[in-house]
Amino acid sequence: MKLYFAPMTCSLSPHIVLRELGLPFELIRVNNKTKATADGQDLRDINPKGYVAALVLDNGQVLTEGPAIVQYLADQVPGNSLAPANGTWERTRLQELLNFISAEIHSGSAPLFNTDLSEPTQEIFRQKLFKRLDYLNKGLVNKEYLLGDFGLADAYLFAVLKWLPFFGIDIKGWPQLASFMGRVDARPSVRAAIAAEEATQPI
């Protein structure tokens, strides 16, 4: 498998999951602006949507969208602890949470990257995001991870919450989330993923 990624993007989530599961893969960096890839391609020829993550399977099929990629990966290793079995109620709860992170945290953060937005408009987006962070913070009281043990949703949430410093948002305002970020950051798979991405050459 090949994982096309860009540093400090949501593609960190499937990267962490690949390492957690011990699956073999090739890591290929993408220039988010030019769409050039480290293996000499244009990302848009791989993923016509034009963004990471993109997972190219050994049979040539391409899978995009982080929540779909991580669930596919988990299903390649039956009995792993990252995701409940497909078709179970617990799996449906995981899908609910992945969708929440995608729609409310990931997409909710995206406008804050747009420096052309006026400050009042950015503040509207910040306040909406803060409400979602309040919800997650409460959900982590007396819990180390979102659904008990470390899983797919935790990897995804970690990846997108790493953007908060870019927006001048201090995670310490949500102490449970701050502790969560520290726990995830300390995992060997996460340390290895971040180090591997940092070791790649810019394109």
N, C-alpha and C. Protein backbone atom coordinates (compact mmCIF):
# COMPACT_ATOMS: atom_id res chain seq x y z
N MET A 1 0.83 -1.19 0.00
CA MET A 1 0.00 0.00 0.00
C MET A 1 0.87 1.24 0.00
N LYS A 2 0.31 2.32 -0.56
CA LYS A 2 0.98 3.61 -0.56
C LYS A 2 0.06 4.64 0.09
N LEU A 3 0.59 5.37 1.06
CA LEU A 3 -0.17 6.45 1.68
C LEU A 3 0.40 7.78 1.23
N TYR A 4 -0.42 8.55 0.53
CA TYR A 4 -0.03 9.89 0.12
C TYR A 4 -0.45 10.85 1.22
N PHE A 5 0.51 11.63 1.70
CA PHE A 5 0.28 12.48 2.87
C PHE A 5 0.90 13.85 2.66
N ALA A 6 0.47 14.79 3.47
CA ALA A 6 1.14 16.08 3.61
C ALA A 6 1.29 16.35 5.09
N PRO A 7 2.41 16.91 5.51
CA PRO A 7 2.63 17.16 6.94
C PRO A 7 1.56 18.09 7.53
N MET A 8 1.21 17.84 8.78
CA MET A 8 0.26 18.65 9.53
C MET A 8 -1.12 18.69 8.87
N THR A 9 -1.52 17.58 8.29
CA THR A 9 -2.87 17.47 7.75
C THR A 9 -3.55 16.25 8.37
N CYS A 10 -4.80 16.04 7.99
CA CYS A 10 -5.56 14.92 8.54
C CYS A 10 -5.01 13.57 8.10
N SER A 11 -4.10 13.55 7.11
CA SER A 11 -3.51 12.28 6.68
C SER A 11 -2.66 11.65 7.77
N LEU A 12 -2.36 12.42 8.82
CA LEU A 12 -1.65 11.84 9.96
C LEU A 12 -2.46 10.72 10.60
N SER A 13 -3.77 10.83 10.54
CA SER A 13 -4.64 9.82 11.17
C SER A 13 -4.45 8.42 10.56
N PRO A 14 -4.64 8.22 9.24
CA PRO A 14 -4.37 6.89 8.69
C PRO A 14 -2.91 6.46 8.83
N HIS A 15 -1.99 7.42 8.84
CA HIS A 15 -0.58 7.08 9.06
C HIS A 15 -0.40 6.43 10.43
N ILE A 16 -1.00 7.03 11.45
CA ILE A 16 -0.92 6.46 12.80
C ILE A 16 -1.55 5.07 12.83
N VAL A 17 -2.70 4.94 12.19
CA VAL A 17 -3.42 3.66 12.19
C VAL A 17 -2.61 2.57 11.50
N LEU A 18 -1.97 2.89 10.40
CA LEU A 18 -1.12 1.91 9.72
C LEU A 18 -0.03 1.40 10.65
N ARG A 19 0.55 2.29 11.42
CA ARG A 19 1.61 1.89 12.34
C ARG A 19 1.06 1.13 13.54
N GLU A 20 -0.09 1.52 14.02
CA GLU A 20 -0.72 0.79 15.13
C GLU A 20 -1.01 -0.65 14.74
N LEU A 21 -1.44 -0.85 13.50
CA LEU A 21 -1.81 -2.17 13.02
C LEU A 21 -0.61 -2.99 12.53
N GLY A 22 0.53 -2.33 12.34
CA GLY A 22 1.70 -3.03 11.84
C GLY A 22 1.60 -3.45 10.39
N LEU A 23 0.82 -2.72 9.60
CA LEU A 23 0.66 -3.05 8.18
C LEU A 23 1.81 -2.45 7.37
N PRO A 24 2.28 -3.15 6.35
CA PRO A 24 3.34 -2.61 5.49
C PRO A 24 2.79 -1.54 4.57
N PHE A 25 3.53 -0.45 4.41
CA PHE A 25 3.08 0.62 3.51
C PHE A 25 4.27 1.48 3.12
N GLU A 26 4.07 2.23 2.04
CA GLU A 26 5.06 3.21 1.59
C GLU A 26 4.48 4.60 1.83
N LEU A 27 5.26 5.47 2.41
CA LEU A 27 4.82 6.81 2.75
C LEU A 27 5.32 7.77 1.66
N ILE A 28 4.39 8.49 1.02
CA ILE A 28 4.76 9.37 -0.09
C ILE A 28 4.24 10.78 0.19
N ARG A 29 5.18 11.72 0.24
CA ARG A 29 4.84 13.10 0.57
C ARG A 29 4.24 13.82 -0.64
N VAL A 30 3.32 14.75 -0.32
CA VAL A 30 2.66 15.57 -1.34
C VAL A 30 2.88 17.04 -1.01
N ASN A 31 3.11 17.84 -2.04
CA ASN A 31 3.13 19.29 -1.87
C ASN A 31 1.68 19.77 -2.00
N ASN A 32 1.12 20.27 -0.91
CA ASN A 32 -0.29 20.63 -0.91
C ASN A 32 -0.62 21.77 -1.86
N LYS A 33 0.36 22.61 -2.16
CA LYS A 33 0.10 23.74 -3.05
C LYS A 33 0.18 23.35 -4.52
N THR A 34 1.27 22.66 -4.89
CA THR A 34 1.46 22.32 -6.30
C THR A 34 0.81 20.99 -6.67
N LYS A 35 0.51 20.17 -5.67
CA LYS A 35 -0.05 18.82 -5.85
C LYS A 35 0.97 17.83 -6.40
N ALA A 36 2.25 18.23 -6.43
CA ALA A 36 3.30 17.30 -6.84
C ALA A 36 3.54 16.28 -5.73
N THR A 37 3.83 15.06 -6.13
CA THR A 37 4.10 14.00 -5.17
C THR A 37 5.57 13.60 -5.23
N ALA A 38 6.07 13.02 -4.17
CA ALA A 38 7.48 12.66 -4.10
C ALA A 38 7.86 11.57 -5.09
N ASP A 39 6.87 10.84 -5.60
CA ASP A 39 7.18 9.81 -6.59
C ASP A 39 6.91 10.29 -8.01
N GLY A 40 6.87 11.63 -8.19
CA GLY A 40 6.84 12.20 -9.53
C GLY A 40 5.49 12.27 -10.20
N GLN A 41 4.42 12.25 -9.43
CA GLN A 41 3.08 12.31 -10.01
C GLN A 41 2.39 13.61 -9.61
N ASP A 42 1.20 13.78 -10.15
CA ASP A 42 0.31 14.86 -9.73
C ASP A 42 -0.78 14.20 -8.88
N LEU A 43 -0.95 14.70 -7.66
CA LEU A 43 -1.92 14.09 -6.76
C LEU A 43 -3.29 13.98 -7.39
N ARG A 44 -3.65 14.94 -8.24
CA ARG A 44 -4.97 14.94 -8.85
C ARG A 44 -5.18 13.79 -9.81
N ASP A 45 -4.07 13.17 -10.27
CA ASP A 45 -4.19 11.97 -11.09
C ASP A 45 -4.46 10.74 -10.23
N ILE A 46 -4.16 10.85 -8.95
CA ILE A 46 -4.39 9.76 -8.01
C ILE A 46 -5.73 9.95 -7.32
N ASN A 47 -5.94 11.15 -6.81
CA ASN A 47 -7.20 11.51 -6.17
C ASN A 47 -7.72 12.78 -6.86
N PRO A 48 -8.71 12.66 -7.74
CA PRO A 48 -9.22 13.83 -8.46
C PRO A 48 -9.75 14.93 -7.55
N LYS A 49 -10.02 14.61 -6.29
CA LYS A 49 -10.46 15.65 -5.35
C LYS A 49 -9.32 16.60 -5.03
N GLY A 50 -8.08 16.12 -5.20
CA GLY A 50 -6.93 17.00 -5.05
C GLY A 50 -6.42 17.19 -3.65
N TYR A 51 -6.76 16.30 -2.74
CA TYR A 51 -6.24 16.44 -1.38
C TYR A 51 -5.90 15.10 -0.77
N VAL A 52 -5.10 15.16 0.28
CA VAL A 52 -4.74 13.97 1.03
C VAL A 52 -5.78 13.77 2.15
N ALA A 53 -5.87 12.56 2.65
CA ALA A 53 -5.06 11.39 2.37
C ALA A 53 -5.62 10.61 1.18
N ALA A 54 -4.70 9.89 0.53
CA ALA A 54 -5.09 8.94 -0.49
C ALA A 54 -4.31 7.65 -0.23
N LEU A 55 -5.02 6.55 -0.19
CA LEU A 55 -4.40 5.24 0.03
C LEU A 55 -4.52 4.44 -1.25
N VAL A 56 -3.38 4.09 -1.84
CA VAL A 56 -3.37 3.27 -3.05
C VAL A 56 -3.10 1.82 -2.63
N LEU A 57 -4.04 0.95 -2.94
CA LEU A 57 -3.92 -0.45 -2.56
C LEU A 57 -3.02 -1.20 -3.53
N ASP A 58 -2.62 -2.38 -3.14
CA ASP A 58 -1.72 -3.17 -3.98
C ASP A 58 -2.37 -3.56 -5.30
N ASN A 59 -3.72 -3.58 -5.35
CA ASN A 59 -4.41 -3.93 -6.59
C ASN A 59 -4.69 -2.70 -7.46
N GLY A 60 -4.19 -1.53 -7.02
CA GLY A 60 -4.36 -0.32 -7.80
C GLY A 60 -5.56 0.52 -7.43
N GLN A 61 -6.46 -0.02 -6.63
CA GLN A 61 -7.61 0.75 -6.18
C GLN A 61 -7.14 1.90 -5.28
N VAL A 62 -7.86 3.01 -5.33
CA VAL A 62 -7.53 4.17 -4.52
C VAL A 62 -8.69 4.47 -3.57
N LEU A 63 -8.35 4.64 -2.30
CA LEU A 63 -9.35 4.96 -1.29
C LEU A 63 -9.02 6.32 -0.71
N THR A 64 -10.04 7.18 -0.62
CA THR A 64 -9.85 8.50 -0.05
C THR A 64 -10.83 8.71 1.09
N GLU A 65 -10.70 9.84 1.78
CA GLU A 65 -11.48 10.23 2.94
C GLU A 65 -11.03 9.45 4.18
N GLY A 66 -10.46 10.19 5.12
CA GLY A 66 -9.86 9.59 6.29
C GLY A 66 -10.71 8.57 7.04
N PRO A 67 -11.99 8.89 7.37
CA PRO A 67 -12.80 7.92 8.11
C PRO A 67 -12.99 6.60 7.36
N ALA A 68 -13.09 6.67 6.04
CA ALA A 68 -13.22 5.43 5.25
C ALA A 68 -11.89 4.67 5.23
N ILE A 69 -10.80 5.40 5.07
CA ILE A 69 -9.49 4.75 5.01
C ILE A 69 -9.19 4.01 6.31
N VAL A 70 -9.38 4.67 7.45
CA VAL A 70 -8.99 4.03 8.71
C VAL A 70 -9.87 2.82 9.01
N GLN A 71 -11.15 2.86 8.64
CA GLN A 71 -12.00 1.70 8.87
C GLN A 71 -11.59 0.54 7.96
N TYR A 72 -11.25 0.85 6.71
CA TYR A 72 -10.77 -0.19 5.81
C TYR A 72 -9.52 -0.84 6.39
N LEU A 73 -8.59 -0.03 6.86
CA LEU A 73 -7.36 -0.57 7.41
C LEU A 73 -7.62 -1.46 8.62
N ALA A 74 -8.47 -1.00 9.52
CA ALA A 74 -8.78 -1.79 10.71
C ALA A 74 -9.38 -3.14 10.33
N ASP A 75 -10.18 -3.16 9.28
CA ASP A 75 -10.83 -4.41 8.87
C ASP A 75 -9.85 -5.39 8.22
N GLN A 76 -8.65 -4.92 7.90
CA GLN A 76 -7.64 -5.82 7.34
C GLN A 76 -6.95 -6.65 8.41
N VAL A 77 -7.17 -6.27 9.68
CA VAL A 77 -6.54 -6.98 10.79
C VAL A 77 -7.64 -7.39 11.77
N PRO A 78 -8.34 -8.49 11.50
CA PRO A 78 -9.46 -8.89 12.35
C PRO A 78 -9.05 -9.05 13.81
N GLY A 79 -9.93 -8.60 14.69
CA GLY A 79 -9.68 -8.75 16.11
C GLY A 79 -8.81 -7.68 16.72
N ASN A 80 -8.42 -6.67 15.93
CA ASN A 80 -7.61 -5.60 16.50
C ASN A 80 -8.45 -4.75 17.44
N SER A 81 -7.78 -3.96 18.26
CA SER A 81 -8.49 -3.17 19.29
C SER A 81 -8.85 -1.77 18.83
N LEU A 82 -8.54 -1.41 17.58
CA LEU A 82 -8.80 -0.05 17.12
C LEU A 82 -10.23 0.20 16.69
N ALA A 83 -10.93 -0.87 16.30
CA ALA A 83 -12.31 -0.72 15.82
C ALA A 83 -13.10 -1.98 16.13
N PRO A 84 -14.35 -1.83 16.59
CA PRO A 84 -15.21 -3.00 16.77
C PRO A 84 -15.51 -3.66 15.42
N ALA A 85 -15.97 -4.87 15.46
CA ALA A 85 -16.27 -5.60 14.23
C ALA A 85 -17.36 -4.90 13.44
N ASN A 86 -17.23 -4.96 12.12
CA ASN A 86 -18.24 -4.36 11.25
C ASN A 86 -19.61 -5.00 11.51
N GLY A 87 -20.65 -4.18 11.48
CA GLY A 87 -22.00 -4.67 11.67
C GLY A 87 -22.47 -4.67 13.11
N THR A 88 -21.59 -4.37 14.06
CA THR A 88 -21.98 -4.34 15.46
C THR A 88 -22.48 -2.94 15.84
N TRP A 89 -23.22 -2.88 16.94
CA TRP A 89 -23.68 -1.59 17.46
C TRP A 89 -22.49 -0.70 17.81
N GLU A 90 -21.45 -1.32 18.38
CA GLU A 90 -20.26 -0.57 18.77
C GLU A 90 -19.59 0.07 17.55
N ARG A 91 -19.60 -0.64 16.41
CA ARG A 91 -19.02 -0.08 15.19
C ARG A 91 -19.85 1.11 14.72
N THR A 92 -21.16 1.01 14.85
CA THR A 92 -22.02 2.12 14.47
C THR A 92 -21.73 3.35 15.33
N ARG A 93 -21.49 3.14 16.61
CA ARG A 93 -21.12 4.25 17.49
C ARG A 93 -19.79 4.88 17.06
N LEU A 94 -18.86 4.04 16.66
CA LEU A 94 -17.58 4.56 16.15
C LEU A 94 -17.82 5.40 14.91
N GLN A 95 -18.64 4.93 13.99
CA GLN A 95 -18.93 5.67 12.77
C GLN A 95 -19.61 7.01 13.10
N GLU A 96 -20.48 6.99 14.08
CA GLU A 96 -21.11 8.23 14.53
C GLU A 96 -20.06 9.24 14.98
N LEU A 97 -19.10 8.76 15.75
CA LEU A 97 -18.06 9.65 16.28
C LEU A 97 -17.12 10.13 15.18
N LEU A 98 -16.74 9.25 14.26
CA LEU A 98 -15.90 9.65 13.14
C LEU A 98 -16.59 10.72 12.30
N ASN A 99 -17.90 10.56 12.09
CA ASN A 99 -18.64 11.57 11.33
C ASN A 99 -18.69 12.90 12.07
N PHE A 100 -18.84 12.85 13.39
CA PHE A 100 -18.85 14.08 14.18
C PHE A 100 -17.52 14.81 14.06
N ILE A 101 -16.43 14.06 14.20
CA ILE A 101 -15.11 14.68 14.10
C ILE A 101 -14.91 15.28 12.71
N SER A 102 -15.35 14.56 11.68
CA SER A 102 -15.19 15.02 10.31
C SER A 102 -16.00 16.30 10.05
N ALA A 103 -17.26 16.27 10.44
CA ALA A 103 -18.16 17.39 10.11
C ALA A 103 -17.98 18.58 11.03
N GLU A 104 -17.76 18.33 12.31
CA GLU A 104 -17.79 19.42 13.29
C GLU A 104 -16.42 19.92 13.74
N ILE A 105 -15.42 19.04 13.77
CA ILE A 105 -14.09 19.47 14.22
C ILE A 105 -13.19 19.73 13.02
N HIS A 106 -13.10 18.76 12.13
CA HIS A 106 -12.26 18.91 10.93
C HIS A 106 -12.80 20.04 10.05
N SER A 107 -14.03 19.89 9.58
CA SER A 107 -14.62 20.92 8.72
C SER A 107 -14.85 22.22 9.48
N GLY A 108 -15.13 22.11 10.77
CA GLY A 108 -15.34 23.30 11.58
C GLY A 108 -14.08 24.12 11.77
N SER A 109 -12.92 23.47 11.68
CA SER A 109 -11.65 24.17 11.81
C SER A 109 -11.19 24.79 10.49
N ALA A 110 -11.59 24.20 9.39
CA ALA A 110 -11.07 24.59 8.08
C ALA A 110 -11.18 26.09 7.79
N PRO A 111 -12.31 26.75 8.10
CA PRO A 111 -12.40 28.18 7.78
C PRO A 111 -11.36 29.03 8.52
N LEU A 112 -10.85 28.54 9.64
CA LEU A 112 -9.89 29.32 10.40
C LEU A 112 -8.53 29.40 9.73
N PHE A 113 -8.30 28.54 8.73
CA PHE A 113 -7.07 28.64 7.94
C PHE A 113 -7.15 29.79 6.93
N ASN A 114 -8.37 30.27 6.67
CA ASN A 114 -8.59 31.29 5.65
C ASN A 114 -8.35 32.68 6.23
N THR A 115 -7.18 33.23 5.98
CA THR A 115 -6.83 34.54 6.55
C THR A 115 -7.56 35.69 5.87
N ASP A 116 -8.26 35.39 4.76
CA ASP A 116 -9.03 36.44 4.09
C ASP A 116 -10.36 36.72 4.79
N LEU A 117 -10.78 35.83 5.67
CA LEU A 117 -12.02 36.05 6.40
C LEU A 117 -11.83 37.18 7.41
N SER A 118 -12.85 37.99 7.59
CA SER A 118 -12.78 39.06 8.57
C SER A 118 -12.73 38.49 9.97
N GLU A 119 -12.21 39.27 10.91
CA GLU A 119 -12.12 38.80 12.30
C GLU A 119 -13.50 38.46 12.88
N PRO A 120 -14.54 39.28 12.66
CA PRO A 120 -15.87 38.89 13.17
C PRO A 120 -16.36 37.55 12.62
N THR A 121 -16.07 37.30 11.34
CA THR A 121 -16.48 36.03 10.75
C THR A 121 -15.69 34.88 11.35
N GLN A 122 -14.39 35.07 11.51
CA GLN A 122 -13.57 34.03 12.14
C GLN A 122 -14.04 33.76 13.56
N GLU A 123 -14.46 34.79 14.26
CA GLU A 123 -14.91 34.60 15.63
C GLU A 123 -16.18 33.75 15.69
N ILE A 124 -17.04 33.90 14.71
CA ILE A 124 -18.24 33.05 14.63
C ILE A 124 -17.84 31.58 14.52
N PHE A 125 -16.88 31.31 13.65
CA PHE A 125 -16.41 29.92 13.49
C PHE A 125 -15.71 29.42 14.74
N ARG A 126 -14.94 30.29 15.39
CA ARG A 126 -14.25 29.89 16.62
C ARG A 126 -15.25 29.51 17.71
N GLN A 127 -16.27 30.32 17.88
CA GLN A 127 -17.25 30.06 18.93
C GLN A 127 -18.01 28.75 18.68
N LYS A 128 -18.30 28.48 17.43
CA LYS A 128 -18.96 27.21 17.10
C LYS A 128 -18.04 26.04 17.42
N LEU A 129 -16.75 26.19 17.04
CA LEU A 129 -15.78 25.14 17.33
C LEU A 129 -15.63 24.95 18.83
N PHE A 130 -15.63 26.03 19.58
CA PHE A 130 -15.48 25.93 21.04
C PHE A 130 -16.60 25.09 21.64
N LYS A 131 -17.81 25.23 21.13
CA LYS A 131 -18.93 24.42 21.65
C LYS A 131 -18.69 22.94 21.40
N ARG A 132 -18.13 22.63 20.25
CA ARG A 132 -17.85 21.21 19.93
C ARG A 132 -16.72 20.69 20.82
N LEU A 133 -15.73 21.54 21.10
CA LEU A 133 -14.65 21.13 21.99
C LEU A 133 -15.17 20.95 23.41
N ASP A 134 -16.11 21.78 23.83
CA ASP A 134 -16.75 21.61 25.14
C ASP A 134 -17.40 20.23 25.24
N TYR A 135 -18.09 19.85 24.18
CA TYR A 135 -18.77 18.54 24.15
C TYR A 135 -17.76 17.40 24.30
N LEU A 136 -16.69 17.46 23.54
CA LEU A 136 -15.67 16.40 23.62
C LEU A 136 -14.98 16.40 24.97
N ASN A 137 -14.72 17.57 25.50
CA ASN A 137 -14.05 17.68 26.80
C ASN A 137 -14.88 17.00 27.89
N LYS A 138 -16.18 17.23 27.88
CA LYS A 138 -17.07 16.59 28.87
C LYS A 138 -17.09 15.08 28.68
N GLY A 139 -17.04 14.64 27.43
CA GLY A 139 -17.09 13.21 27.14
C GLY A 139 -15.85 12.46 27.59
N LEU A 140 -14.78 13.18 27.83
CA LEU A 140 -13.53 12.54 28.24
C LEU A 140 -13.32 12.53 29.75
N VAL A 141 -14.28 13.05 30.50
CA VAL A 141 -14.17 13.00 31.96
C VAL A 141 -14.13 11.54 32.41
N ASN A 142 -13.12 11.20 33.17
CA ASN A 142 -12.93 9.83 33.69
C ASN A 142 -12.68 8.80 32.58
N LYS A 143 -12.26 9.26 31.41
CA LYS A 143 -11.94 8.35 30.31
C LYS A 143 -10.62 8.77 29.69
N GLU A 144 -9.81 7.80 29.32
CA GLU A 144 -8.55 8.12 28.66
C GLU A 144 -8.74 8.40 27.18
N TYR A 145 -9.67 7.67 26.56
CA TYR A 145 -9.90 7.81 25.13
C TYR A 145 -11.39 7.92 24.86
N LEU A 146 -11.75 8.27 23.64
CA LEU A 146 -13.13 8.62 23.32
C LEU A 146 -14.11 7.48 23.53
N LEU A 147 -13.71 6.27 23.17
CA LEU A 147 -14.61 5.11 23.29
C LEU A 147 -14.04 4.04 24.20
N GLY A 148 -13.20 4.44 25.14
CA GLY A 148 -12.61 3.47 26.07
C GLY A 148 -11.15 3.28 25.77
N ASP A 149 -10.82 2.25 24.96
CA ASP A 149 -9.45 2.02 24.55
C ASP A 149 -9.09 2.91 23.36
N PHE A 150 -7.79 3.10 23.12
CA PHE A 150 -7.35 3.88 21.97
C PHE A 150 -7.89 3.27 20.69
N GLY A 151 -8.42 4.12 19.82
CA GLY A 151 -9.00 3.61 18.58
C GLY A 151 -8.92 4.60 17.44
N LEU A 152 -9.64 4.30 16.38
CA LEU A 152 -9.60 5.09 15.16
C LEU A 152 -9.99 6.55 15.40
N ALA A 153 -11.04 6.76 16.18
CA ALA A 153 -11.51 8.12 16.42
C ALA A 153 -10.48 8.96 17.15
N ASP A 154 -9.73 8.32 18.04
CA ASP A 154 -8.70 9.05 18.79
C ASP A 154 -7.59 9.53 17.86
N ALA A 155 -7.19 8.68 16.92
CA ALA A 155 -6.15 9.08 15.97
C ALA A 155 -6.61 10.25 15.12
N TYR A 156 -7.87 10.22 14.70
CA TYR A 156 -8.41 11.29 13.86
C TYR A 156 -8.52 12.58 14.64
N LEU A 157 -9.07 12.51 15.85
CA LEU A 157 -9.21 13.72 16.65
C LEU A 157 -7.85 14.34 16.96
N PHE A 158 -6.89 13.51 17.29
CA PHE A 158 -5.54 14.00 17.57
C PHE A 158 -4.99 14.77 16.38
N ALA A 159 -5.15 14.22 15.18
CA ALA A 159 -4.60 14.85 13.98
C ALA A 159 -5.19 16.24 13.76
N VAL A 160 -6.49 16.39 13.94
CA VAL A 160 -7.09 17.70 13.65
C VAL A 160 -6.91 18.69 14.81
N LEU A 161 -6.84 18.20 16.04
CA LEU A 161 -6.62 19.12 17.15
C LEU A 161 -5.21 19.68 17.17
N LYS A 162 -4.29 19.04 16.45
CA LYS A 162 -2.93 19.58 16.35
C LYS A 162 -2.91 20.90 15.59
N TRP A 163 -4.01 21.24 14.92
CA TRP A 163 -4.08 22.50 14.20
C TRP A 163 -4.36 23.69 15.12
N LEU A 164 -4.87 23.45 16.32
CA LEU A 164 -5.33 24.55 17.16
C LEU A 164 -4.29 25.65 17.38
N PRO A 165 -3.01 25.31 17.60
CA PRO A 165 -2.03 26.39 17.78
C PRO A 165 -1.93 27.35 16.59
N PHE A 166 -2.19 26.85 15.37
CA PHE A 166 -2.16 27.73 14.19
C PHE A 166 -3.23 28.81 14.29
N PHE A 167 -4.30 28.51 15.02
CA PHE A 167 -5.41 29.46 15.15
C PHE A 167 -5.31 30.30 16.42
N GLY A 168 -4.22 30.12 17.16
CA GLY A 168 -4.08 30.84 18.42
C GLY A 168 -5.01 30.32 19.51
N ILE A 169 -5.41 29.07 19.39
CA ILE A 169 -6.31 28.45 20.37
C ILE A 169 -5.49 27.54 21.28
N ASP A 170 -5.58 27.77 22.58
CA ASP A 170 -4.81 26.99 23.56
C ASP A 170 -5.67 25.84 24.07
N ILE A 171 -5.23 24.62 23.82
CA ILE A 171 -5.97 23.43 24.24
C ILE A 171 -6.12 23.35 25.75
N LYS A 172 -5.31 24.08 26.50
CA LYS A 172 -5.39 24.03 27.96
C LYS A 172 -6.73 24.54 28.47
N GLY A 173 -7.47 25.25 27.62
CA GLY A 173 -8.81 25.69 27.99
C GLY A 173 -9.79 24.54 28.11
N TRP A 174 -9.39 23.38 27.63
CA TRP A 174 -10.21 22.15 27.72
C TRP A 174 -9.31 21.08 28.35
N PRO A 175 -9.22 21.04 29.66
CA PRO A 175 -8.20 20.21 30.33
C PRO A 175 -8.28 18.72 29.99
N GLN A 176 -9.48 18.19 29.81
CA GLN A 176 -9.57 16.77 29.46
C GLN A 176 -9.00 16.52 28.07
N LEU A 177 -9.27 17.43 27.16
CA LEU A 177 -8.70 17.29 25.81
C LEU A 177 -7.19 17.47 25.83
N ALA A 178 -6.71 18.39 26.67
CA ALA A 178 -5.26 18.59 26.78
C ALA A 178 -4.58 17.32 27.27
N SER A 179 -5.16 16.67 28.27
CA SER A 179 -4.60 15.41 28.77
C SER A 179 -4.67 14.33 27.71
N PHE A 180 -5.78 14.29 26.99
CA PHE A 180 -5.96 13.32 25.90
C PHE A 180 -4.85 13.50 24.86
N MET A 181 -4.59 14.74 24.46
CA MET A 181 -3.56 14.99 23.45
C MET A 181 -2.20 14.52 23.93
N GLY A 182 -1.90 14.71 25.21
CA GLY A 182 -0.64 14.25 25.75
C GLY A 182 -0.52 12.74 25.72
N ARG A 183 -1.62 12.05 26.05
CA ARG A 183 -1.59 10.58 26.04
C ARG A 183 -1.38 10.04 24.63
N VAL A 184 -2.11 10.61 23.67
CA VAL A 184 -1.98 10.12 22.30
C VAL A 184 -0.58 10.43 21.76
N ASP A 185 -0.10 11.63 22.04
CA ASP A 185 1.21 12.03 21.54
C ASP A 185 2.32 11.12 22.05
N ALA A 186 2.13 10.52 23.21
CA ALA A 186 3.16 9.66 23.80
C ALA A 186 3.17 8.24 23.23
N ARG A 187 2.16 7.89 22.44
CA ARG A 187 2.11 6.53 21.91
C ARG A 187 3.25 6.30 20.91
N PRO A 188 3.90 5.13 20.96
CA PRO A 188 5.00 4.86 20.03
C PRO A 188 4.62 5.02 18.56
N SER A 189 3.41 4.59 18.20
CA SER A 189 2.98 4.71 16.80
C SER A 189 2.89 6.16 16.37
N VAL A 190 2.44 7.00 17.27
CA VAL A 190 2.28 8.43 16.97
C VAL A 190 3.64 9.09 16.86
N ARG A 191 4.54 8.79 17.80
CA ARG A 191 5.90 9.33 17.74
C ARG A 191 6.58 8.91 16.43
N ALA A 192 6.39 7.63 16.06
CA ALA A 192 7.03 7.12 14.84
C ALA A 192 6.45 7.78 13.60
N ALA A 193 5.14 7.97 13.57
CA ALA A 193 4.49 8.59 12.41
C ALA A 193 4.96 10.03 12.24
N ILE A 194 4.98 10.79 13.32
CA ILE A 194 5.40 12.18 13.24
C ILE A 194 6.87 12.28 12.82
N ALA A 195 7.71 11.42 13.39
CA ALA A 195 9.14 11.43 13.04
C ALA A 195 9.34 11.07 11.58
N ALA A 196 8.60 10.09 11.09
CA ALA A 196 8.74 9.68 9.69
C ALA A 196 8.31 10.79 8.75
N GLU A 197 7.24 11.50 9.10
CA GLU A 197 6.79 12.59 8.24
C GLU A 197 7.80 13.73 8.24
N GLU A 198 8.35 14.03 9.41
CA GLU A 198 9.33 15.11 9.50
C GLU A 198 10.62 14.77 8.76
N ALA A 199 10.90 13.48 8.62
CA ALA A 199 12.13 13.06 7.96
C ALA A 199 12.04 13.11 6.44
N THR A 200 10.83 13.25 5.89
CA THR A 200 10.69 13.31 4.44
C THR A 200 11.13 14.68 3.93
N GLN A 201 11.55 14.70 2.68
CA GLN A 201 12.05 15.94 2.09
C GLN A 201 10.90 16.75 1.47
N PRO A 202 10.90 18.07 1.67
CA PRO A 202 9.89 18.90 0.99
C PRO A 202 10.00 18.76 -0.51
N ILE A 203 8.88 18.96 -1.20
CA ILE A 203 8.84 18.82 -2.65
C ILE A 203 8.75 20.20 -3.29
